[in-house]
Amino acid sequence: MAATGGCGALGQIFCSSSIPVAEEIGLIVPLGEWVLRKACANAARWPDDVKVAVNLSPIQVKNQNLVAEGVETRQQLHQVQALGCTEMQGFLFSPPRCVDEIIPLFKRFEAKAMAAEARRRA
C-alpha cells in the first residue's frame, strides 16, 4: 500500500514531483526524516500484519543493500521475484492513497476475510 502526502486543499502530492524539488533545494534529508516519522506514527495504528512502505530519494539511499523502488508492472514483479525478493510494494498492488483512506480499507479487508472464514466453516 502506498500513501502520498497532502489530500487536503492541495490534493495529492506525488513523490515524482516533490522529491526532485526537495533534492534541488537541499531539503530532501530533513523532509525524508519527517516522512519516515509520520509514516511510522500512522502505521502504529494499523493492524500488526500490515507493513508500511516509504519512497526514498537516491540521495537518501546510502546503503547498497537497500531496495527503494516500487513494483509498477508484472514484468518488474517477476524481475524482483527472480532476485529473491519476497516482499514488495508499489502501484501494481495499490495506487497511492491518502492516510485517511487506509483505515476504512483495512476494515473492508477484515470484513471480507471474516466472510470467507465463515463460508469456509459452513
C-alpha atoms as a PDB file:
ATOM      1  CA  MET A   1       0.000   0.000   0.000  1.00  0.00           C
ATOM      2  CA  ALA A   2       1.430   3.376  -0.938  1.00  0.00           C
ATOM      3  CA  ALA A   3       0.473   6.620   0.711  1.00  0.00           C
ATOM      4  CA  THR A   4       1.055  10.068  -0.672  1.00  0.00           C
ATOM      5  CA  GLY A   5       1.177  13.362   1.108  1.00  0.00           C
ATOM      6  CA  GLY A   6      -1.475  16.008   1.032  1.00  0.00           C
ATOM      7  CA  CYS A   7      -5.041  15.109   0.110  1.00  0.00           C
ATOM      8  CA  GLY A   8      -6.318  18.288   1.716  1.00  0.00           C
ATOM      9  CA  ALA A   9      -6.860  21.529  -0.179  1.00  0.00           C
ATOM     10  CA  LEU A  10      -3.801  20.854  -2.358  1.00  0.00           C
ATOM     11  CA  GLY A  11      -4.826  17.326  -3.279  1.00  0.00           C
ATOM     12  CA  GLN A  12      -2.301  14.513  -3.507  1.00  0.00           C
ATOM     13  CA  ILE A  13       1.380  15.441  -3.635  1.00  0.00           C
ATOM     14  CA  PHE A  14       3.202  12.801  -5.635  1.00  0.00           C
ATOM     15  CA  CYS A  15       6.799  11.802  -4.972  1.00  0.00           C
ATOM     16  CA  SER A  16       7.644  12.059  -8.661  1.00  0.00           C
ATOM     17  CA  SER A  17       7.258  15.836  -8.454  1.00  0.00           C
ATOM     18  CA  SER A  18       8.147  16.601  -4.827  1.00  0.00           C
ATOM     19  CA  ILE A  19      11.355  14.565  -4.469  1.00  0.00           C
ATOM     20  CA  PRO A  20      13.291  16.323  -7.277  1.00  0.00           C
ATOM     21  CA  VAL A  21      12.327  19.742  -5.883  1.00  0.00           C
ATOM     22  CA  ALA A  22      13.368  18.772  -2.348  1.00  0.00           C
ATOM     23  CA  GLU A  23      16.671  17.412  -3.707  1.00  0.00           C
ATOM     24  CA  GLU A  24      17.306  20.586  -5.681  1.00  0.00           C
ATOM     25  CA  ILE A  25      16.746  22.923  -2.733  1.00  0.00           C
ATOM     26  CA  GLY A  26      18.618  20.719  -0.262  1.00  0.00           C
ATOM     27  CA  LEU A  27      15.663  19.680   1.892  1.00  0.00           C
ATOM     28  CA  ILE A  28      15.422  16.011   0.950  1.00  0.00           C
ATOM     29  CA  VAL A  29      17.124  14.658   4.088  1.00  0.00           C
ATOM     30  CA  PRO A  30      15.015  16.542   6.686  1.00  0.00           C
ATOM     31  CA  LEU A  31      11.879  16.044   4.573  1.00  0.00           C
ATOM     32  CA  GLY A  32      12.622  12.321   4.315  1.00  0.00           C
ATOM     33  CA  GLU A  33      13.144  12.075   8.070  1.00  0.00           C
ATOM     34  CA  TRP A  34       9.786  13.781   8.674  1.00  0.00           C
ATOM     35  CA  VAL A  35       8.033  11.468   6.176  1.00  0.00           C
ATOM     36  CA  LEU A  36       9.511   8.383   7.847  1.00  0.00           C
ATOM     37  CA  ARG A  37       8.435   9.568  11.321  1.00  0.00           C
ATOM     38  CA  LYS A  38       4.917  10.390  10.069  1.00  0.00           C
ATOM     39  CA  ALA A  39       4.591   7.067   8.206  1.00  0.00           C
ATOM     40  CA  CYS A  40       5.674   5.118  11.297  1.00  0.00           C
ATOM     41  CA  ALA A  41       3.296   7.065  13.551  1.00  0.00           C
ATOM     42  CA  ASN A  42       0.386   6.359  11.189  1.00  0.00           C
ATOM     43  CA  ALA A  43       1.339   2.702  10.751  1.00  0.00           C
ATOM     44  CA  ALA A  44       1.464   2.233  14.533  1.00  0.00           C
ATOM     45  CA  ARG A  45      -2.367   2.497  14.485  1.00  0.00           C
ATOM     46  CA  TRP A  46      -2.719  -0.179  11.785  1.00  0.00           C
ATOM     47  CA  PRO A  47      -3.053  -3.946  12.240  1.00  0.00           C
ATOM     48  CA  ASP A  48       0.202  -5.675  13.216  1.00  0.00           C
ATOM     49  CA  ASP A  49       0.444  -7.684   9.997  1.00  0.00           C
ATOM     50  CA  VAL A  50       0.360  -4.578   7.748  1.00  0.00           C
ATOM     51  CA  LYS A  51       3.664  -3.081   6.643  1.00  0.00           C
ATOM     52  CA  VAL A  52       4.472   0.467   5.617  1.00  0.00           C
ATOM     53  CA  ALA A  53       6.483   1.491   2.550  1.00  0.00           C
ATOM     54  CA  VAL A  54       8.097   4.883   2.015  1.00  0.00           C
ATOM     55  CA  ASN A  55       9.670   6.101  -1.221  1.00  0.00           C
ATOM     56  CA  LEU A  56      13.245   7.319  -0.851  1.00  0.00           C
ATOM     57  CA  SER A  57      15.364   9.653  -2.892  1.00  0.00           C
ATOM     58  CA  PRO A  58      18.606   8.307  -4.371  1.00  0.00           C
ATOM     59  CA  ILE A  59      20.349  10.899  -2.194  1.00  0.00           C
ATOM     60  CA  GLN A  60      18.875   9.194   0.884  1.00  0.00           C
ATOM     61  CA  VAL A  61      19.953   5.766  -0.223  1.00  0.00           C
ATOM     62  CA  LYS A  62      23.494   5.251   1.012  1.00  0.00           C
ATOM     63  CA  ASN A  63      23.219   1.546   1.801  1.00  0.00           C
ATOM     64  CA  GLN A  64      23.898  -0.581  -1.296  1.00  0.00           C
ATOM     65  CA  ASN A  65      21.567  -3.311   0.018  1.00  0.00           C
ATOM     66  CA  LEU A  66      18.520  -1.051   0.294  1.00  0.00           C
ATOM     67  CA  VAL A  67      15.768  -1.674  -2.308  1.00  0.00           C
ATOM     68  CA  ALA A  68      13.878   1.619  -2.704  1.00  0.00           C
ATOM     69  CA  GLU A  69      11.777   1.087  -5.806  1.00  0.00           C
ATOM     70  CA  GLY A  70       8.120   0.197  -6.042  1.00  0.00           C
ATOM     71  CA  VAL A  71       6.787  -2.546  -8.291  1.00  0.00           C
ATOM     72  CA  GLU A  72       4.699  -0.964 -11.033  1.00  0.00           C
ATOM     73  CA  THR A  73       4.301  -3.737 -13.645  1.00  0.00           C
ATOM     74  CA  ARG A  74       4.024  -7.538 -13.753  1.00  0.00           C
ATOM     75  CA  GLN A  75       7.399  -7.622 -15.532  1.00  0.00           C
ATOM     76  CA  GLN A  76       9.017  -5.759 -12.615  1.00  0.00           C
ATOM     77  CA  LEU A  77       7.270  -8.144 -10.201  1.00  0.00           C
ATOM     78  CA  HIS A  78       8.800 -11.155 -11.966  1.00  0.00           C
ATOM     79  CA  GLN A  79      12.220  -9.474 -12.054  1.00  0.00           C
ATOM     80  CA  VAL A  80      12.340  -8.743  -8.312  1.00  0.00           C
ATOM     81  CA  GLN A  81      10.957 -12.195  -7.505  1.00  0.00           C
ATOM     82  CA  ALA A  82      13.750 -13.709  -9.632  1.00  0.00           C
ATOM     83  CA  LEU A  83      16.217 -11.737  -7.485  1.00  0.00           C
ATOM     84  CA  GLY A  84      14.793 -13.391  -4.376  1.00  0.00           C
ATOM     85  CA  CYS A  85      12.629 -10.545  -3.056  1.00  0.00           C
ATOM     86  CA  THR A  86       9.622 -11.828  -1.153  1.00  0.00           C
ATOM     87  CA  GLU A  87       8.121  -8.515  -0.018  1.00  0.00           C
ATOM     88  CA  MET A  88       7.288  -5.711  -2.400  1.00  0.00           C
ATOM     89  CA  GLN A  89       5.202  -2.567  -2.611  1.00  0.00           C
ATOM     90  CA  GLY A  90       4.117  -0.334  -5.430  1.00  0.00           C
ATOM     91  CA  PHE A  91       1.382   0.732  -7.800  1.00  0.00           C
ATOM     92  CA  LEU A  92       0.858  -2.832  -9.044  1.00  0.00           C
ATOM     93  CA  PHE A  93      -0.580  -3.695  -5.629  1.00  0.00           C
ATOM     94  CA  SER A  94      -2.289  -0.398  -4.785  1.00  0.00           C
ATOM     95  CA  PRO A  95      -2.326   3.136  -6.151  1.00  0.00           C
ATOM     96  CA  PRO A  96      -1.134   5.880  -3.790  1.00  0.00           C
ATOM     97  CA  ARG A  97      -3.694   6.523  -1.065  1.00  0.00           C
ATOM     98  CA  CYS A  98      -4.275   9.280   1.462  1.00  0.00           C
ATOM     99  CA  VAL A  99      -3.716   8.160   5.037  1.00  0.00           C
ATOM    100  CA  ASP A 100      -7.418   8.818   5.759  1.00  0.00           C
ATOM    101  CA  GLU A 101      -8.317   6.098   3.232  1.00  0.00           C
ATOM    102  CA  ILE A 102      -6.161   3.405   4.842  1.00  0.00           C
ATOM    103  CA  ILE A 103      -8.193   2.541   7.983  1.00  0.00           C
ATOM    104  CA  PRO A 104     -11.505   2.080   6.065  1.00  0.00           C
ATOM    105  CA  LEU A 105      -9.586  -0.071   3.573  1.00  0.00           C
ATOM    106  CA  PHE A 106      -8.364  -2.315   6.414  1.00  0.00           C
ATOM    107  CA  LYS A 107     -11.935  -2.622   7.702  1.00  0.00           C
ATOM    108  CA  ARG A 108     -13.153  -3.737   4.260  1.00  0.00           C
ATOM    109  CA  PHE A 109     -10.329  -6.303   4.017  1.00  0.00           C
ATOM    110  CA  GLU A 110     -11.131  -7.575   7.502  1.00  0.00           C
ATOM    111  CA  ALA A 111     -14.845  -7.926   6.678  1.00  0.00           C
ATOM    112  CA  LYS A 112     -14.014  -9.877   3.513  1.00  0.00           C
ATOM    113  CA  ALA A 113     -11.642 -12.157   5.436  1.00  0.00           C
ATOM    114  CA  MET A 114     -14.260 -12.813   8.117  1.00  0.00           C
ATOM    115  CA  ALA A 115     -16.896 -13.611   5.478  1.00  0.00           C
ATOM    116  CA  ALA A 116     -14.501 -16.003   3.724  1.00  0.00           C
ATOM    117  CA  GLU A 117     -13.725 -17.702   7.051  1.00  0.00           C
ATOM    118  CA  ALA A 118     -17.459 -18.065   7.802  1.00  0.00           C
ATOM    119  CA  ARG A 119     -18.029 -19.644   4.366  1.00  0.00           C
ATOM    120  CA  ARG A 120     -15.111 -21.987   4.915  1.00  0.00           C
ATOM    121  CA  ARG A 121     -16.521 -23.159   8.249  1.00  0.00           C
ATOM    122  CA  ALA A 122     -20.070 -23.633   6.866  1.00  0.00           C
END
